[in-house]
């Protein structure tokens, strides 16, 4: 009888330990999954371009915004580019060793901050969602500037600015030709001369660094 009672107690003890261990393992697994989920969510939030486009697609489907898909995408991409220019300019103001590069960087921050504010106001008026953070490609550009050695920084930054403004001018010109929304068209046509001016300045400074 004593042996049977001891055996029962042992079995109960082992079962309790097993259940406790299972609960602990489940809790740990849940915590890991929550951590991974939070990290994934953070990355998704950081790359707000894709999510903004998805939200705008739904708004277009629901007829809560009157703009076309290509116009909404323009506002999203222009916002991403504008934020990138400001961040890059702020870094260049700190790290550039050439006076012309520093002045150019200051102008980028000033002009693109104004354009960004105008774009935010326009997007809000048209009920178009724009990103609040730059996407992965833009972040790679910012990381490259942050990691650039002092001796290479001036050329690295100006090479980026020439490449970016070549793309921006082309992008805005195509949008100006295709945008049917009059307010977006006005924003584009007013911004285009500023971007073309930046483009010429960037090319001139880039050439002087060779």
N, C-alpha and C. Protein backbone atom coordinates (compact mmCIF):
# COMPACT_ATOMS: atom_id res chain seq x y z
N UNK A 1 0.82 -1.20 0.00
CA UNK A 1 0.00 0.00 0.00
C UNK A 1 0.86 1.26 0.00
N UNK A 2 1.90 1.21 0.87
CA UNK A 2 2.79 2.36 0.93
C UNK A 2 3.47 2.58 -0.42
N UNK A 3 3.85 1.45 -1.04
CA UNK A 3 4.53 1.57 -2.33
C UNK A 3 3.59 2.16 -3.39
N UNK A 4 2.32 1.72 -3.33
CA UNK A 4 1.34 2.23 -4.30
C UNK A 4 1.10 3.72 -4.09
N UNK A 5 0.96 4.11 -2.80
CA UNK A 5 0.76 5.54 -2.50
C UNK A 5 1.95 6.38 -2.94
N UNK A 6 3.13 5.87 -2.70
CA UNK A 6 4.34 6.58 -3.10
C UNK A 6 4.40 6.73 -4.61
N UNK A 7 4.01 5.64 -5.30
CA UNK A 7 4.03 5.66 -6.76
C UNK A 7 3.03 6.69 -7.29
N UNK A 8 1.83 6.75 -6.66
CA UNK A 8 0.82 7.72 -7.09
C UNK A 8 1.31 9.15 -6.88
N UNK A 9 1.92 9.39 -5.71
CA UNK A 9 2.44 10.72 -5.41
C UNK A 9 3.51 11.11 -6.42
N UNK A 10 4.36 10.14 -6.76
CA UNK A 10 5.44 10.40 -7.72
C UNK A 10 4.86 10.78 -9.08
N UNK A 11 3.83 9.98 -9.49
CA UNK A 11 3.21 10.26 -10.78
C UNK A 11 2.56 11.65 -10.80
N UNK A 12 1.86 11.99 -9.70
CA UNK A 12 1.23 13.31 -9.62
C UNK A 12 2.26 14.43 -9.67
N UNK A 13 3.37 14.21 -8.97
CA UNK A 13 4.44 15.20 -8.97
C UNK A 13 5.02 15.38 -10.35
N UNK A 14 5.24 14.30 -11.06
CA UNK A 14 5.81 14.37 -12.41
C UNK A 14 4.84 15.03 -13.37
N UNK A 15 3.53 14.69 -13.21
CA UNK A 15 2.54 15.32 -14.07
C UNK A 15 2.49 16.83 -13.84
N UNK A 16 2.57 17.23 -12.58
CA UNK A 16 2.55 18.67 -12.27
C UNK A 16 3.76 19.37 -12.84
N UNK A 17 4.91 18.71 -12.73
CA UNK A 17 6.13 19.32 -13.28
C UNK A 17 6.04 19.42 -14.80
N UNK A 18 5.46 18.37 -15.42
CA UNK A 18 5.32 18.38 -16.88
C UNK A 18 4.41 19.52 -17.33
N UNK A 19 3.28 19.67 -16.59
CA UNK A 19 2.35 20.75 -16.95
C UNK A 19 2.99 22.12 -16.77
N UNK A 20 3.73 22.27 -15.67
CA UNK A 20 4.41 23.54 -15.43
C UNK A 20 5.42 23.84 -16.52
N UNK A 21 6.17 22.80 -16.89
CA UNK A 21 7.16 22.97 -17.97
C UNK A 21 6.50 23.31 -19.28
N UNK A 22 5.35 22.68 -19.57
CA UNK A 22 4.64 22.95 -20.82
C UNK A 22 4.13 24.39 -20.85
N UNK A 23 3.61 24.84 -19.69
CA UNK A 23 3.13 26.22 -19.61
C UNK A 23 4.28 27.20 -19.83
N UNK A 24 5.43 26.91 -19.20
CA UNK A 24 6.59 27.79 -19.37
C UNK A 24 7.05 27.82 -20.82
N UNK A 25 7.08 26.65 -21.46
CA UNK A 25 7.50 26.59 -22.87
C UNK A 25 6.53 27.37 -23.75
N UNK A 26 5.22 27.21 -23.48
CA UNK A 26 4.22 27.93 -24.26
C UNK A 26 4.37 29.44 -24.07
N UNK A 27 4.63 29.85 -22.84
CA UNK A 27 4.81 31.28 -22.56
C UNK A 27 6.02 31.84 -23.27
N UNK A 28 7.11 31.05 -23.25
CA UNK A 28 8.33 31.49 -23.93
C UNK A 28 8.10 31.58 -25.43
N UNK A 29 7.40 30.59 -26.00
CA UNK A 29 7.13 30.60 -27.43
C UNK A 29 6.27 31.81 -27.81
N UNK A 30 5.27 32.10 -26.98
CA UNK A 30 4.40 33.25 -27.22
C UNK A 30 5.19 34.55 -27.19
N UNK A 31 6.11 34.64 -26.20
CA UNK A 31 6.93 35.86 -26.08
C UNK A 31 7.81 36.04 -27.30
N UNK A 32 8.39 34.93 -27.78
CA UNK A 32 9.25 35.00 -28.98
C UNK A 32 8.44 35.44 -30.19
N UNK A 33 7.25 34.87 -30.34
CA UNK A 33 6.40 35.23 -31.47
C UNK A 33 5.99 36.69 -31.42
N UNK A 34 5.68 37.17 -30.20
CA UNK A 34 5.32 38.58 -30.05
C UNK A 34 6.48 39.48 -30.40
N UNK A 35 7.70 39.08 -30.00
CA UNK A 35 8.89 39.87 -30.30
C UNK A 35 9.13 39.95 -31.79
N UNK A 36 9.00 38.79 -32.46
CA UNK A 36 9.19 38.77 -33.91
C UNK A 36 8.12 39.61 -34.59
N UNK A 37 6.88 39.49 -34.09
CA UNK A 37 5.79 40.27 -34.67
C UNK A 37 6.01 41.76 -34.53
N UNK A 38 6.50 42.17 -33.36
CA UNK A 38 6.76 43.60 -33.13
C UNK A 38 7.86 44.09 -34.03
N UNK A 39 8.90 43.28 -34.21
CA UNK A 39 10.00 43.69 -35.10
C UNK A 39 9.50 43.83 -36.51
N UNK A 40 8.70 42.86 -36.96
CA UNK A 40 8.16 42.93 -38.31
C UNK A 40 7.29 44.15 -38.49
N UNK A 41 6.46 44.45 -37.48
CA UNK A 41 5.61 45.62 -37.55
C UNK A 41 6.41 46.88 -37.61
N UNK A 42 7.53 46.93 -36.88
CA UNK A 42 8.38 48.11 -36.89
C UNK A 42 8.95 48.36 -38.26
N UNK A 43 9.38 47.28 -38.94
CA UNK A 43 9.93 47.42 -40.28
C UNK A 43 8.86 47.88 -41.25
N UNK A 44 7.66 47.34 -41.09
CA UNK A 44 6.57 47.74 -41.97
C UNK A 44 6.23 49.21 -41.79
N UNK A 45 6.24 49.66 -40.53
CA UNK A 45 5.95 51.06 -40.27
C UNK A 45 7.04 51.95 -40.84
N UNK A 46 8.30 51.47 -40.72
CA UNK A 46 9.42 52.27 -41.21
C UNK A 46 9.33 52.43 -42.72
N UNK A 47 8.99 51.34 -43.41
CA UNK A 47 8.84 51.41 -44.85
C UNK A 47 7.39 51.74 -45.16
N UNK A 48 7.01 52.98 -44.89
CA UNK A 48 5.61 53.38 -45.01
C UNK A 48 5.14 53.61 -46.43
N UNK A 49 6.04 53.53 -47.41
CA UNK A 49 5.65 53.79 -48.80
C UNK A 49 4.65 52.74 -49.28
N UNK A 50 4.97 51.48 -49.09
CA UNK A 50 4.09 50.41 -49.55
C UNK A 50 2.74 50.45 -48.84
N UNK A 51 2.77 50.65 -47.53
CA UNK A 51 1.51 50.68 -46.77
C UNK A 51 0.67 51.89 -47.17
N UNK A 52 1.32 53.03 -47.43
CA UNK A 52 0.58 54.22 -47.86
C UNK A 52 -0.10 53.98 -49.20
N UNK A 53 0.61 53.31 -50.11
CA UNK A 53 0.02 53.01 -51.41
C UNK A 53 -1.16 52.06 -51.27
N UNK A 54 -1.04 51.07 -50.38
CA UNK A 54 -2.15 50.14 -50.16
C UNK A 54 -3.37 50.87 -49.60
N UNK A 55 -3.14 51.77 -48.65
CA UNK A 55 -4.24 52.55 -48.07
C UNK A 55 -4.91 53.40 -49.14
N UNK A 56 -4.10 54.02 -49.99
CA UNK A 56 -4.66 54.87 -51.05
C UNK A 56 -5.43 54.06 -52.07
N UNK A 57 -4.97 52.86 -52.38
CA UNK A 57 -5.72 51.99 -53.30
C UNK A 57 -7.11 51.72 -52.75
N UNK A 58 -7.18 51.48 -51.43
CA UNK A 58 -8.48 51.23 -50.81
C UNK A 58 -9.34 52.49 -50.84
N UNK A 59 -8.73 53.65 -50.61
CA UNK A 59 -9.49 54.90 -50.66
C UNK A 59 -10.04 55.14 -52.07
N UNK A 60 -9.25 54.81 -53.06
CA UNK A 60 -9.70 54.97 -54.45
C UNK A 60 -10.85 54.03 -54.74
N UNK A 61 -10.73 52.77 -54.27
CA UNK A 61 -11.81 51.80 -54.45
C UNK A 61 -13.09 52.26 -53.75
N UNK A 62 -12.93 52.88 -52.58
CA UNK A 62 -14.09 53.33 -51.79
C UNK A 62 -14.58 54.71 -52.21
N UNK A 63 -13.89 55.32 -53.18
CA UNK A 63 -14.24 56.66 -53.68
C UNK A 63 -14.18 57.72 -52.58
N UNK A 64 -13.24 57.55 -51.64
CA UNK A 64 -13.05 58.56 -50.59
C UNK A 64 -11.96 59.55 -50.97
N UNK A 65 -11.32 59.32 -52.09
CA UNK A 65 -10.41 60.31 -52.68
C UNK A 65 -10.65 60.32 -54.18
N UNK A 66 -10.56 61.50 -54.77
CA UNK A 66 -10.91 61.64 -56.19
C UNK A 66 -9.70 61.49 -57.10
N UNK A 67 -8.50 61.34 -56.54
CA UNK A 67 -7.31 61.27 -57.37
C UNK A 67 -7.16 59.89 -57.98
N UNK A 68 -6.42 59.83 -59.09
CA UNK A 68 -6.14 58.55 -59.73
C UNK A 68 -4.97 57.85 -59.03
N UNK A 69 -4.82 56.57 -59.30
CA UNK A 69 -3.76 55.79 -58.65
C UNK A 69 -2.38 56.36 -58.92
N UNK A 70 -2.12 56.74 -60.17
CA UNK A 70 -0.79 57.27 -60.50
C UNK A 70 -0.52 58.59 -59.78
N UNK A 71 -1.57 59.38 -59.54
CA UNK A 71 -1.41 60.66 -58.83
C UNK A 71 -1.16 60.43 -57.34
N UNK A 72 -1.89 59.47 -56.76
CA UNK A 72 -1.67 59.14 -55.35
C UNK A 72 -0.26 58.58 -55.16
N UNK A 73 0.16 57.72 -56.09
CA UNK A 73 1.52 57.15 -56.00
C UNK A 73 2.58 58.23 -56.14
N UNK A 74 2.30 59.22 -56.98
CA UNK A 74 3.24 60.33 -57.11
C UNK A 74 3.43 61.05 -55.78
N UNK A 75 2.32 61.35 -55.10
CA UNK A 75 2.42 62.06 -53.82
C UNK A 75 3.19 61.23 -52.80
N UNK A 76 2.97 59.92 -52.80
CA UNK A 76 3.68 59.04 -51.87
C UNK A 76 5.18 59.04 -52.16
N UNK A 77 5.53 58.85 -53.41
CA UNK A 77 6.95 58.78 -53.78
C UNK A 77 7.64 60.13 -53.64
N UNK A 78 6.92 61.19 -53.94
CA UNK A 78 7.50 62.53 -53.79
C UNK A 78 7.75 62.84 -52.31
N UNK A 79 6.84 62.39 -51.45
CA UNK A 79 7.03 62.59 -50.01
C UNK A 79 8.26 61.82 -49.52
N UNK A 80 8.40 60.59 -49.98
CA UNK A 80 9.56 59.79 -49.60
C UNK A 80 10.85 60.46 -50.08
N UNK A 81 10.85 60.93 -51.32
CA UNK A 81 12.04 61.58 -51.85
C UNK A 81 12.36 62.87 -51.13
N UNK A 82 11.33 63.65 -50.80
CA UNK A 82 11.55 64.91 -50.09
C UNK A 82 12.13 64.71 -48.71
N UNK A 83 11.61 63.73 -47.99
CA UNK A 83 12.14 63.43 -46.66
C UNK A 83 13.60 62.97 -46.74
N UNK A 84 13.89 62.20 -47.77
CA UNK A 84 15.26 61.71 -47.96
C UNK A 84 16.22 62.86 -48.22
N UNK A 85 15.81 63.81 -49.05
CA UNK A 85 16.65 64.96 -49.37
C UNK A 85 16.96 65.78 -48.12
N UNK A 86 15.96 65.95 -47.25
CA UNK A 86 16.17 66.72 -46.03
C UNK A 86 17.15 66.00 -45.11
N UNK A 87 16.95 64.70 -44.92
CA UNK A 87 17.85 63.94 -44.05
C UNK A 87 19.28 63.95 -44.59
N UNK A 88 19.41 63.75 -45.90
CA UNK A 88 20.74 63.74 -46.51
C UNK A 88 21.40 65.12 -46.36
N UNK A 89 20.61 66.17 -46.56
CA UNK A 89 21.16 67.52 -46.43
C UNK A 89 21.61 67.82 -45.01
N UNK A 90 20.87 67.33 -44.05
CA UNK A 90 21.25 67.55 -42.65
C UNK A 90 22.57 66.85 -42.33
N UNK A 91 22.75 65.66 -42.86
CA UNK A 91 24.01 64.95 -42.66
C UNK A 91 25.16 65.70 -43.33
N UNK A 92 24.91 66.17 -44.55
CA UNK A 92 25.95 66.89 -45.30
C UNK A 92 26.35 68.19 -44.62
N UNK A 93 25.41 68.84 -44.00
CA UNK A 93 25.75 70.07 -43.27
C UNK A 93 26.73 69.78 -42.14
N UNK A 94 26.65 68.60 -41.59
CA UNK A 94 27.54 68.21 -40.50
C UNK A 94 28.88 67.67 -41.00
N UNK A 95 28.84 66.87 -42.07
CA UNK A 95 30.03 66.11 -42.46
C UNK A 95 30.81 66.69 -43.64
N UNK A 96 30.18 67.53 -44.45
CA UNK A 96 30.87 68.07 -45.63
C UNK A 96 32.04 68.97 -45.20
N UNK A 97 33.11 68.92 -45.99
CA UNK A 97 34.29 69.75 -45.72
C UNK A 97 34.48 70.83 -46.77
N UNK A 98 33.63 70.81 -47.79
CA UNK A 98 33.70 71.81 -48.86
C UNK A 98 32.58 72.84 -48.64
N UNK A 99 32.93 74.12 -48.72
CA UNK A 99 31.95 75.18 -48.45
C UNK A 99 30.77 75.15 -49.43
N UNK A 100 31.05 74.89 -50.70
CA UNK A 100 29.97 74.83 -51.69
C UNK A 100 29.02 73.67 -51.40
N UNK A 101 29.58 72.57 -50.97
CA UNK A 101 28.76 71.40 -50.63
C UNK A 101 27.90 71.70 -49.41
N UNK A 102 28.49 72.37 -48.42
CA UNK A 102 27.73 72.74 -47.22
C UNK A 102 26.57 73.69 -47.57
N UNK A 103 26.84 74.68 -48.42
CA UNK A 103 25.80 75.63 -48.81
C UNK A 103 24.70 74.93 -49.60
N UNK A 104 25.11 74.04 -50.47
CA UNK A 104 24.13 73.27 -51.25
C UNK A 104 23.26 72.44 -50.32
N UNK A 105 23.88 71.78 -49.34
CA UNK A 105 23.14 70.95 -48.39
C UNK A 105 22.12 71.79 -47.61
N UNK A 106 22.54 72.99 -47.21
CA UNK A 106 21.63 73.87 -46.47
C UNK A 106 20.43 74.26 -47.32
N UNK A 107 20.69 74.49 -48.61
CA UNK A 107 19.60 74.84 -49.52
C UNK A 107 18.65 73.66 -49.72
N UNK A 108 19.20 72.45 -49.77
CA UNK A 108 18.37 71.26 -49.90
C UNK A 108 17.42 71.14 -48.71
N UNK A 109 17.95 71.35 -47.53
CA UNK A 109 17.12 71.25 -46.32
C UNK A 109 16.02 72.31 -46.35
N UNK A 110 16.39 73.54 -46.69
CA UNK A 110 15.43 74.64 -46.71
C UNK A 110 14.34 74.43 -47.76
N UNK A 111 14.78 74.17 -49.00
CA UNK A 111 13.82 74.06 -50.11
C UNK A 111 12.93 72.83 -49.99
N UNK A 112 13.52 71.71 -49.64
CA UNK A 112 12.73 70.48 -49.58
C UNK A 112 11.83 70.44 -48.34
N UNK A 113 12.20 71.12 -47.29
CA UNK A 113 11.30 71.23 -46.14
C UNK A 113 10.04 72.00 -46.55
N UNK A 114 10.23 73.08 -47.30
CA UNK A 114 9.08 73.85 -47.78
C UNK A 114 8.21 73.02 -48.73
N UNK A 115 8.85 72.31 -49.66
CA UNK A 115 8.11 71.47 -50.60
C UNK A 115 7.38 70.35 -49.86
N UNK A 116 8.04 69.78 -48.86
CA UNK A 116 7.41 68.71 -48.07
C UNK A 116 6.16 69.22 -47.36
N UNK A 117 6.26 70.42 -46.81
CA UNK A 117 5.11 71.00 -46.12
C UNK A 117 3.95 71.25 -47.09
N UNK A 118 4.28 71.74 -48.28
CA UNK A 118 3.25 71.96 -49.30
C UNK A 118 2.60 70.65 -49.72
N UNK A 119 3.43 69.63 -49.86
CA UNK A 119 2.92 68.32 -50.27
C UNK A 119 2.02 67.72 -49.19
N UNK A 120 2.42 67.85 -47.93
CA UNK A 120 1.60 67.34 -46.82
C UNK A 120 0.24 68.01 -46.81
N UNK A 121 0.24 69.31 -46.99
CA UNK A 121 -1.01 70.06 -47.01
C UNK A 121 -1.91 69.61 -48.17
N UNK A 122 -1.30 69.42 -49.34
CA UNK A 122 -2.05 68.99 -50.51
C UNK A 122 -2.61 67.58 -50.32
N UNK A 123 -1.78 66.68 -49.80
CA UNK A 123 -2.21 65.30 -49.58
C UNK A 123 -3.37 65.24 -48.59
N UNK A 124 -3.28 66.04 -47.54
CA UNK A 124 -4.36 66.09 -46.55
C UNK A 124 -5.66 66.59 -47.18
N UNK A 125 -5.55 67.61 -48.00
CA UNK A 125 -6.73 68.19 -48.66
C UNK A 125 -7.39 67.18 -49.59
N UNK A 126 -6.56 66.38 -50.26
CA UNK A 126 -7.08 65.41 -51.23
C UNK A 126 -7.38 64.04 -50.60
N UNK A 127 -7.16 63.93 -49.29
CA UNK A 127 -7.35 62.67 -48.57
C UNK A 127 -6.48 61.55 -49.15
N UNK A 128 -5.22 61.89 -49.35
CA UNK A 128 -4.23 60.91 -49.80
C UNK A 128 -3.24 60.67 -48.66
N UNK A 129 -3.01 59.41 -48.35
CA UNK A 129 -2.08 59.05 -47.28
C UNK A 129 -0.65 59.06 -47.82
N UNK A 130 0.25 59.74 -47.12
CA UNK A 130 1.66 59.75 -47.50
C UNK A 130 2.47 59.16 -46.35
N UNK A 131 3.66 58.63 -46.63
CA UNK A 131 4.45 58.00 -45.58
C UNK A 131 5.02 59.01 -44.60
N UNK A 132 5.23 58.55 -43.38
CA UNK A 132 5.85 59.40 -42.36
C UNK A 132 7.32 59.03 -42.17
N UNK A 133 7.79 58.02 -42.87
CA UNK A 133 9.19 57.58 -42.78
C UNK A 133 9.65 57.12 -44.15
N UNK A 134 10.94 57.23 -44.38
CA UNK A 134 11.50 56.86 -45.69
C UNK A 134 11.54 55.35 -45.84
N UNK A 135 11.61 54.90 -47.10
CA UNK A 135 11.61 53.46 -47.35
C UNK A 135 13.03 52.88 -47.27
N UNK A 136 13.13 51.59 -47.52
CA UNK A 136 14.40 50.89 -47.37
C UNK A 136 15.50 51.40 -48.28
N UNK A 137 15.16 51.68 -49.53
CA UNK A 137 16.17 52.17 -50.47
C UNK A 137 16.71 53.53 -50.04
N UNK A 138 15.83 54.39 -49.61
CA UNK A 138 16.26 55.71 -49.14
C UNK A 138 17.10 55.59 -47.86
N UNK A 139 16.71 54.67 -46.99
CA UNK A 139 17.47 54.48 -45.77
C UNK A 139 18.88 53.97 -46.06
N UNK A 140 19.01 53.14 -47.10
CA UNK A 140 20.34 52.66 -47.51
C UNK A 140 21.22 53.83 -47.95
N UNK A 141 20.61 54.79 -48.63
CA UNK A 141 21.34 55.99 -49.06
C UNK A 141 21.79 56.80 -47.84
N UNK A 142 20.89 56.96 -46.88
CA UNK A 142 21.23 57.70 -45.65
C UNK A 142 22.33 56.98 -44.89
N UNK A 143 22.24 55.66 -44.81
CA UNK A 143 23.27 54.88 -44.12
C UNK A 143 24.63 55.03 -44.81
N UNK A 144 24.60 55.07 -46.14
CA UNK A 144 25.85 55.24 -46.88
C UNK A 144 26.49 56.59 -46.55
N UNK A 145 25.69 57.62 -46.46
CA UNK A 145 26.23 58.94 -46.11
C UNK A 145 26.77 58.96 -44.68
N UNK A 146 26.03 58.35 -43.79
CA UNK A 146 26.47 58.31 -42.38
C UNK A 146 27.79 57.56 -42.22
N UNK A 147 27.98 56.54 -43.05
CA UNK A 147 29.16 55.70 -42.94
C UNK A 147 30.33 56.15 -43.83
N UNK A 148 30.09 57.15 -44.67
CA UNK A 148 31.14 57.61 -45.59
C UNK A 148 32.30 58.25 -44.82
N UNK A 149 33.50 57.95 -45.25
CA UNK A 149 34.68 58.56 -44.64
C UNK A 149 34.73 60.05 -45.00
N UNK A 150 35.32 60.82 -44.13
CA UNK A 150 35.37 62.28 -44.31
C UNK A 150 36.00 62.65 -45.65
N UNK A 151 37.06 61.95 -46.02
CA UNK A 151 37.78 62.28 -47.25
C UNK A 151 36.94 62.01 -48.49
N UNK A 152 35.97 61.11 -48.38
CA UNK A 152 35.13 60.74 -49.53
C UNK A 152 33.76 61.40 -49.51
N UNK A 153 33.43 62.06 -48.40
CA UNK A 153 32.03 62.46 -48.21
C UNK A 153 31.54 63.45 -49.27
N UNK A 154 32.30 64.50 -49.56
CA UNK A 154 31.84 65.54 -50.49
C UNK A 154 31.41 64.93 -51.82
N UNK A 155 32.25 64.07 -52.38
CA UNK A 155 31.95 63.47 -53.68
C UNK A 155 30.80 62.47 -53.57
N UNK A 156 30.78 61.70 -52.49
CA UNK A 156 29.70 60.73 -52.30
C UNK A 156 28.35 61.42 -52.27
N UNK A 157 28.27 62.51 -51.51
CA UNK A 157 27.02 63.24 -51.39
C UNK A 157 26.61 63.88 -52.71
N UNK A 158 27.54 64.54 -53.38
CA UNK A 158 27.19 65.24 -54.62
C UNK A 158 26.87 64.26 -55.74
N UNK A 159 27.54 63.13 -55.78
CA UNK A 159 27.18 62.10 -56.77
C UNK A 159 25.74 61.65 -56.56
N UNK A 160 25.38 61.47 -55.31
CA UNK A 160 23.99 61.09 -54.98
C UNK A 160 23.01 62.16 -55.41
N UNK A 161 23.36 63.41 -55.15
CA UNK A 161 22.46 64.51 -55.45
C UNK A 161 22.23 64.67 -56.95
N UNK A 162 23.28 64.47 -57.73
CA UNK A 162 23.12 64.54 -59.19
C UNK A 162 22.21 63.41 -59.66
N UNK A 163 22.48 62.21 -59.20
CA UNK A 163 21.68 61.06 -59.60
C UNK A 163 20.22 61.23 -59.17
N UNK A 164 20.01 61.66 -57.92
CA UNK A 164 18.65 61.82 -57.41
C UNK A 164 17.88 62.89 -58.16
N UNK A 165 18.53 64.03 -58.42
CA UNK A 165 17.81 65.11 -59.08
C UNK A 165 17.59 64.85 -60.57
N UNK A 166 18.43 64.05 -61.18
CA UNK A 166 18.16 63.60 -62.55
C UNK A 166 16.86 62.79 -62.57
N UNK A 167 16.73 61.88 -61.59
CA UNK A 167 15.52 61.07 -61.49
C UNK A 167 14.30 61.92 -61.12
N UNK A 168 14.50 62.84 -60.18
CA UNK A 168 13.38 63.68 -59.73
C UNK A 168 12.84 64.56 -60.84
N UNK A 169 13.72 65.19 -61.57
CA UNK A 169 13.29 66.07 -62.67
C UNK A 169 12.51 65.27 -63.71
N UNK A 170 13.02 64.09 -64.05
CA UNK A 170 12.34 63.24 -65.03
C UNK A 170 10.96 62.82 -64.49
N UNK A 171 10.92 62.44 -63.22
CA UNK A 171 9.68 62.00 -62.57
C UNK A 171 8.65 63.12 -62.56
N UNK A 172 9.06 64.32 -62.19
CA UNK A 172 8.14 65.45 -62.12
C UNK A 172 7.68 65.88 -63.51
N UNK A 173 8.57 65.82 -64.49
CA UNK A 173 8.19 66.19 -65.85
C UNK A 173 7.12 65.24 -66.40
N UNK A 174 7.30 63.94 -66.14
CA UNK A 174 6.32 62.96 -66.61
C UNK A 174 4.98 63.15 -65.88
N UNK A 175 5.05 63.46 -64.59
CA UNK A 175 3.82 63.68 -63.83
C UNK A 175 3.10 64.93 -64.31
N UNK A 176 3.86 65.98 -64.61
CA UNK A 176 3.26 67.22 -65.12
C UNK A 176 2.50 66.97 -66.42
N UNK A 177 3.02 66.05 -67.23
CA UNK A 177 2.39 65.77 -68.52
C UNK A 177 1.15 64.88 -68.38
N UNK A 178 1.07 64.13 -67.27
CA UNK A 178 0.01 63.13 -67.15
C UNK A 178 -1.01 63.40 -66.04
N UNK A 179 -0.69 64.31 -65.12
CA UNK A 179 -1.59 64.54 -63.99
C UNK A 179 -2.86 65.26 -64.45
N UNK A 180 -4.00 64.69 -64.09
CA UNK A 180 -5.27 65.31 -64.46
C UNK A 180 -5.84 66.17 -63.33
N UNK A 181 -5.42 65.88 -62.09
CA UNK A 181 -5.88 66.70 -60.96
C UNK A 181 -5.20 68.07 -61.03
N UNK A 182 -5.95 69.15 -61.09
CA UNK A 182 -5.34 70.47 -61.28
C UNK A 182 -4.44 70.90 -60.12
N UNK A 183 -4.77 70.51 -58.89
CA UNK A 183 -3.95 70.91 -57.75
C UNK A 183 -2.62 70.17 -57.73
N UNK A 184 -2.65 68.90 -58.09
CA UNK A 184 -1.39 68.15 -58.18
C UNK A 184 -0.56 68.70 -59.33
N UNK A 185 -1.22 69.01 -60.44
CA UNK A 185 -0.51 69.57 -61.59
C UNK A 185 0.16 70.90 -61.22
N UNK A 186 -0.54 71.73 -60.47
CA UNK A 186 0.04 73.01 -60.06
C UNK A 186 1.24 72.81 -59.14
N UNK A 187 1.10 71.88 -58.19
CA UNK A 187 2.21 71.59 -57.28
C UNK A 187 3.44 71.14 -58.07
N UNK A 188 3.24 70.26 -59.02
CA UNK A 188 4.35 69.71 -59.81
C UNK A 188 5.02 70.80 -60.64
N UNK A 189 4.22 71.58 -61.33
CA UNK A 189 4.79 72.61 -62.21
C UNK A 189 5.48 73.72 -61.43
N UNK A 190 5.03 73.97 -60.20
CA UNK A 190 5.70 74.96 -59.36
C UNK A 190 6.99 74.42 -58.75
N UNK A 191 7.00 73.12 -58.47
CA UNK A 191 8.19 72.50 -57.86
C UNK A 191 9.28 72.20 -58.88
N UNK A 192 8.87 71.97 -60.11
CA UNK A 192 9.83 71.53 -61.14
C UNK A 192 10.98 72.51 -61.35
N UNK A 193 10.76 73.82 -61.46
CA UNK A 193 11.90 74.74 -61.63
C UNK A 193 12.87 74.70 -60.45
N UNK A 194 12.35 74.47 -59.25
CA UNK A 194 13.22 74.37 -58.08
C UNK A 194 14.12 73.15 -58.19
N UNK A 195 13.54 72.02 -58.60
CA UNK A 195 14.31 70.80 -58.75
C UNK A 195 15.33 70.91 -59.89
N UNK A 196 14.94 71.58 -60.95
CA UNK A 196 15.88 71.78 -62.07
C UNK A 196 17.04 72.67 -61.64
N UNK A 197 16.75 73.66 -60.80
CA UNK A 197 17.81 74.51 -60.26
C UNK A 197 18.76 73.69 -59.39
N UNK A 198 18.21 72.83 -58.54
CA UNK A 198 19.03 71.94 -57.72
C UNK A 198 19.90 71.04 -58.59
N UNK A 199 19.29 70.53 -59.66
CA UNK A 199 20.00 69.64 -60.57
C UNK A 199 21.22 70.31 -61.17
N UNK A 200 21.06 71.54 -61.64
CA UNK A 200 22.17 72.27 -62.25
C UNK A 200 23.24 72.61 -61.22
N UNK A 201 22.82 73.03 -60.05
CA UNK A 201 23.77 73.32 -58.97
C UNK A 201 24.58 72.08 -58.60
N UNK A 202 23.89 70.95 -58.49
CA UNK A 202 24.55 69.72 -58.10
C UNK A 202 25.59 69.30 -59.15
N UNK A 203 25.23 69.42 -60.40
CA UNK A 203 26.16 69.05 -61.47
C UNK A 203 27.40 69.94 -61.47
N UNK A 204 27.18 71.22 -61.24
CA UNK A 204 28.28 72.18 -61.23
C UNK A 204 29.24 71.88 -60.07
N UNK A 205 28.69 71.63 -58.89
CA UNK A 205 29.55 71.34 -57.73
C UNK A 205 30.24 69.99 -57.91
N UNK A 206 29.50 69.03 -58.44
CA UNK A 206 30.10 67.71 -58.68
C UNK A 206 31.31 67.81 -59.60
N UNK A 207 31.16 68.61 -60.68
CA UNK A 207 32.27 68.78 -61.63
C UNK A 207 33.47 69.46 -60.98
N UNK A 208 33.22 70.37 -60.04
CA UNK A 208 34.31 71.10 -59.40
C UNK A 208 35.11 70.22 -58.44
N UNK A 209 34.53 69.10 -58.02
CA UNK A 209 35.21 68.22 -57.06
C UNK A 209 36.14 67.24 -57.73
N UNK A 210 36.07 67.12 -59.05
CA UNK A 210 36.91 66.14 -59.76
C UNK A 210 38.33 66.65 -59.93
